[in-house]
C-alpha atoms as a PDB file:
ATOM      1  CA  MET A   1     113.485  75.742 -24.537  1.00  0.00           C
ATOM      2  CA  GLY A   2     117.074  75.644 -25.755  1.00  0.00           C
ATOM      3  CA  ASP A   3     120.065  73.926 -24.274  1.00  0.00           C
ATOM      4  CA  ILE A   4     120.832  74.189 -20.590  1.00  0.00           C
ATOM      5  CA  GLU A   5     124.271  75.422 -19.563  1.00  0.00           C
ATOM      6  CA  ILE A   6     125.428  74.551 -16.065  1.00  0.00           C
ATOM      7  CA  ARG A   7     127.956  76.855 -14.467  1.00  0.00           C
ATOM      8  CA  ASP A   8     129.654  76.903 -11.093  1.00  0.00           C
ATOM      9  CA  ASP A   9     129.600  80.185  -9.179  1.00  0.00           C
ATOM     10  CA  ARG A  10     131.954  79.003  -6.429  1.00  0.00           C
ATOM     11  CA  ALA A  11     132.173  82.418  -4.766  1.00  0.00           C
ATOM     12  CA  ALA A  12     128.397  82.465  -4.278  1.00  0.00           C
ATOM     13  CA  GLY A  13     128.152  78.730  -3.546  1.00  0.00           C
ATOM     14  CA  ARG A  14     125.783  78.037  -6.417  1.00  0.00           C
ATOM     15  CA  LEU A  15     125.748  75.613  -9.299  1.00  0.00           C
ATOM     16  CA  GLU A  16     123.389  77.273 -11.784  1.00  0.00           C
ATOM     17  CA  ALA A  17     121.370  75.956 -14.703  1.00  0.00           C
ATOM     18  CA  VAL A  18     121.073  78.675 -17.349  1.00  0.00           C
ATOM     19  CA  ALA A  19     118.681  78.651 -20.323  1.00  0.00           C
ATOM     20  CA  GLU A  20     118.609  81.502 -22.820  1.00  0.00           C
ATOM     21  CA  GLY A  21     120.572  83.723 -20.426  1.00  0.00           C
ATOM     22  CA  GLU A  22     118.227  83.113 -17.485  1.00  0.00           C
ATOM     23  CA  VAL A  23     119.025  81.128 -14.336  1.00  0.00           C
ATOM     24  CA  VAL A  24     116.278  78.497 -14.254  1.00  0.00           C
ATOM     25  CA  GLY A  25     117.606  76.336 -11.432  1.00  0.00           C
ATOM     26  CA  ARG A  26     120.386  76.042  -8.908  1.00  0.00           C
ATOM     27  CA  VAL A  27     121.991  73.961  -6.231  1.00  0.00           C
ATOM     28  CA  GLU A  28     123.167  75.999  -3.252  1.00  0.00           C
ATOM     29  CA  TYR A  29     126.211  74.494  -1.570  1.00  0.00           C
ATOM     30  CA  PHE A  30     129.249  75.144   0.593  1.00  0.00           C
ATOM     31  CA  VAL A  31     132.767  73.765   0.563  1.00  0.00           C
ATOM     32  CA  LEU A  32     133.948  71.777   3.561  1.00  0.00           C
ATOM     33  CA  ASP A  33     137.689  71.365   4.172  1.00  0.00           C
ATOM     34  CA  ALA A  34     137.688  68.824   7.023  1.00  0.00           C
ATOM     35  CA  PRO A  35     137.538  65.963   7.793  1.00  0.00           C
ATOM     36  CA  GLU A  36     137.986  65.804   4.025  1.00  0.00           C
ATOM     37  CA  TYR A  37     137.454  68.118   1.097  1.00  0.00           C
ATOM     38  CA  ALA A  38     133.796  68.035   0.136  1.00  0.00           C
ATOM     39  CA  LEU A  39     131.047  69.890  -1.664  1.00  0.00           C
ATOM     40  CA  VAL A  40     127.933  70.053   0.498  1.00  0.00           C
ATOM     41  CA  PRO A  41     124.677  70.735  -1.359  1.00  0.00           C
ATOM     42  CA  VAL A  42     121.983  72.203   0.882  1.00  0.00           C
ATOM     43  CA  HIS A  43     119.135  73.260  -1.454  1.00  0.00           C
ATOM     44  CA  THR A  44     118.055  72.465  -5.002  1.00  0.00           C
ATOM     45  CA  ILE A  45     115.711  75.005  -6.546  1.00  0.00           C
ATOM     46  CA  VAL A  46     114.106  74.965  -9.999  1.00  0.00           C
ATOM     47  CA  GLU A  47     111.969  77.873 -11.133  1.00  0.00           C
ATOM     48  CA  PRO A  48     108.303  76.771 -11.348  1.00  0.00           C
ATOM     49  CA  ALA A  49     108.043  77.422 -15.106  1.00  0.00           C
ATOM     50  CA  HIS A  50     110.942  75.002 -15.672  1.00  0.00           C
ATOM     51  CA  GLU A  51     109.978  72.131 -13.362  1.00  0.00           C
ATOM     52  CA  GLY A  52     109.650  68.643 -14.809  1.00  0.00           C
ATOM     53  CA  LYS A  53     112.365  69.139 -17.439  1.00  0.00           C
ATOM     54  CA  GLY A  54     115.183  67.244 -15.741  1.00  0.00           C
ATOM     55  CA  ILE A  55     117.001  70.365 -14.580  1.00  0.00           C
ATOM     56  CA  ALA A  56     117.364  69.279 -10.948  1.00  0.00           C
ATOM     57  CA  GLY A  57     118.779  65.920 -12.019  1.00  0.00           C
ATOM     58  CA  SER A  58     121.223  67.612 -14.387  1.00  0.00           C
ATOM     59  CA  LEU A  59     122.381  69.865 -11.567  1.00  0.00           C
ATOM     60  CA  ALA A  60     122.882  66.919  -9.195  1.00  0.00           C
ATOM     61  CA  ARG A  61     124.812  64.976 -11.858  1.00  0.00           C
ATOM     62  CA  GLU A  62     127.039  67.976 -12.589  1.00  0.00           C
ATOM     63  CA  LEU A  63     127.691  68.517  -8.876  1.00  0.00           C
ATOM     64  CA  TYR A  64     129.042  64.967  -8.571  1.00  0.00           C
ATOM     65  CA  THR A  65     131.017  65.353 -11.812  1.00  0.00           C
ATOM     66  CA  LEU A  66     132.540  68.589 -10.546  1.00  0.00           C
ATOM     67  CA  ALA A  67     133.430  66.988  -7.211  1.00  0.00           C
ATOM     68  CA  ALA A  68     135.096  64.054  -8.968  1.00  0.00           C
ATOM     69  CA  ARG A  69     137.163  66.394 -11.168  1.00  0.00           C
ATOM     70  CA  GLU A  70     138.352  68.211  -8.037  1.00  0.00           C
ATOM     71  CA  ASP A  71     138.927  64.972  -6.111  1.00  0.00           C
ATOM     72  CA  ARG A  72     136.304  66.024  -3.549  1.00  0.00           C
ATOM     73  CA  ALA A  73     133.574  64.063  -1.863  1.00  0.00           C
ATOM     74  CA  VAL A  74     129.929  65.144  -1.810  1.00  0.00           C
ATOM     75  CA  ALA A  75     128.024  65.254   1.480  1.00  0.00           C
ATOM     76  CA  PRO A  76     124.417  65.702   0.340  1.00  0.00           C
ATOM     77  CA  LEU A  77     122.377  67.561   2.940  1.00  0.00           C
ATOM     78  CA  CYS A  78     119.881  68.556   0.245  1.00  0.00           C
ATOM     79  CA  PRO A  79     117.069  65.976   0.235  1.00  0.00           C
ATOM     80  CA  TYR A  80     116.791  66.064  -3.566  1.00  0.00           C
ATOM     81  CA  VAL A  81     120.502  65.485  -4.136  1.00  0.00           C
ATOM     82  CA  ALA A  82     120.520  62.717  -1.513  1.00  0.00           C
ATOM     83  CA  LYS A  83     117.636  60.925  -3.289  1.00  0.00           C
ATOM     84  CA  TRP A  84     119.324  61.427  -6.675  1.00  0.00           C
ATOM     85  CA  ALA A  85     122.516  59.908  -5.269  1.00  0.00           C
ATOM     86  CA  GLU A  86     120.600  56.874  -3.980  1.00  0.00           C
ATOM     87  CA  ARG A  87     119.182  56.312  -7.478  1.00  0.00           C
ATOM     88  CA  HIS A  88     122.606  56.746  -9.148  1.00  0.00           C
ATOM     89  CA  PRO A  89     125.152  54.942  -6.956  1.00  0.00           C
ATOM     90  CA  ASP A  90     127.481  54.479  -9.932  1.00  0.00           C
ATOM     91  CA  GLN A  91     127.801  58.271 -10.271  1.00  0.00           C
ATOM     92  CA  ALA A  92     127.435  59.289  -6.626  1.00  0.00           C
ATOM     93  CA  PRO A  93     129.810  57.733  -4.080  1.00  0.00           C
ATOM     94  CA  VAL A  94     128.327  57.519  -0.595  1.00  0.00           C
ATOM     95  CA  ALA A  95     129.650  60.011   1.950  1.00  0.00           C
ATOM     96  CA  GLY A  96     130.842  58.461   5.194  1.00  0.00           C
ATOM     97  CA  PRO A  97     129.148  59.154   8.527  1.00  0.00           C
ATOM     98  CA  GLU A  98     132.013  61.316   9.818  1.00  0.00           C
ATOM     99  CA  LEU A  99     131.801  63.553   6.755  1.00  0.00           C
ATOM    100  CA  MET A 100     128.020  63.844   7.059  1.00  0.00           C
ATOM    101  CA  ARG A 101     128.319  64.752  10.772  1.00  0.00           C
ATOM    102  CA  ALA A 102     130.924  67.423   9.942  1.00  0.00           C
ATOM    103  CA  ALA A 103     128.723  68.863   7.172  1.00  0.00           C
ATOM    104  CA  LYS A 104     125.698  69.048   9.492  1.00  0.00           C
ATOM    105  CA  ALA A 105     127.812  70.652  12.229  1.00  0.00           C
ATOM    106  CA  TRP A 106     129.144  73.272   9.805  1.00  0.00           C
ATOM    107  CA  LEU A 107     125.648  74.109   8.637  1.00  0.00           C
ATOM    108  CA  ALA A 108     124.374  74.370  12.225  1.00  0.00           C
ATOM    109  CA  ALA A 109     127.270  76.727  13.062  1.00  0.00           C
ATOM    110  CA  HIS A 110     126.487  78.953  10.039  1.00  0.00           C
ATOM    111  CA  PRO A 111     122.671  79.285   9.961  1.00  0.00           C
ATOM    112  CA  GLU A 112     122.883  82.654   8.221  1.00  0.00           C
ATOM    113  CA  ARG A 113     124.506  81.067   5.172  1.00  0.00           C
ATOM    114  CA  PHE A 114     121.307  79.388   3.905  1.00  0.00           C
END
């Protein structure tokens, strides 16, 4: 497999891992504006044929890099991203409890989104 390109499809709320023109993994997220600007990952999905190649970790790392570039926090509702963040505290600042409550409330108010 060749190099993985990671691209942000903000309109669709997806950070996509692309290999040889094919989307092989993605993080589905939404943008929260209050109580602070944040990216909120909800699901991480890697196509079965591409599992075990570090794609999910690359997506999580890029999500935090993207958030830092935009001066946004990350409120990880996705279990994979939350575990990745715990293992990489130097790259993944912890979201405060108020932000996590707001992210969960937004998701509960928009069940059709995911």
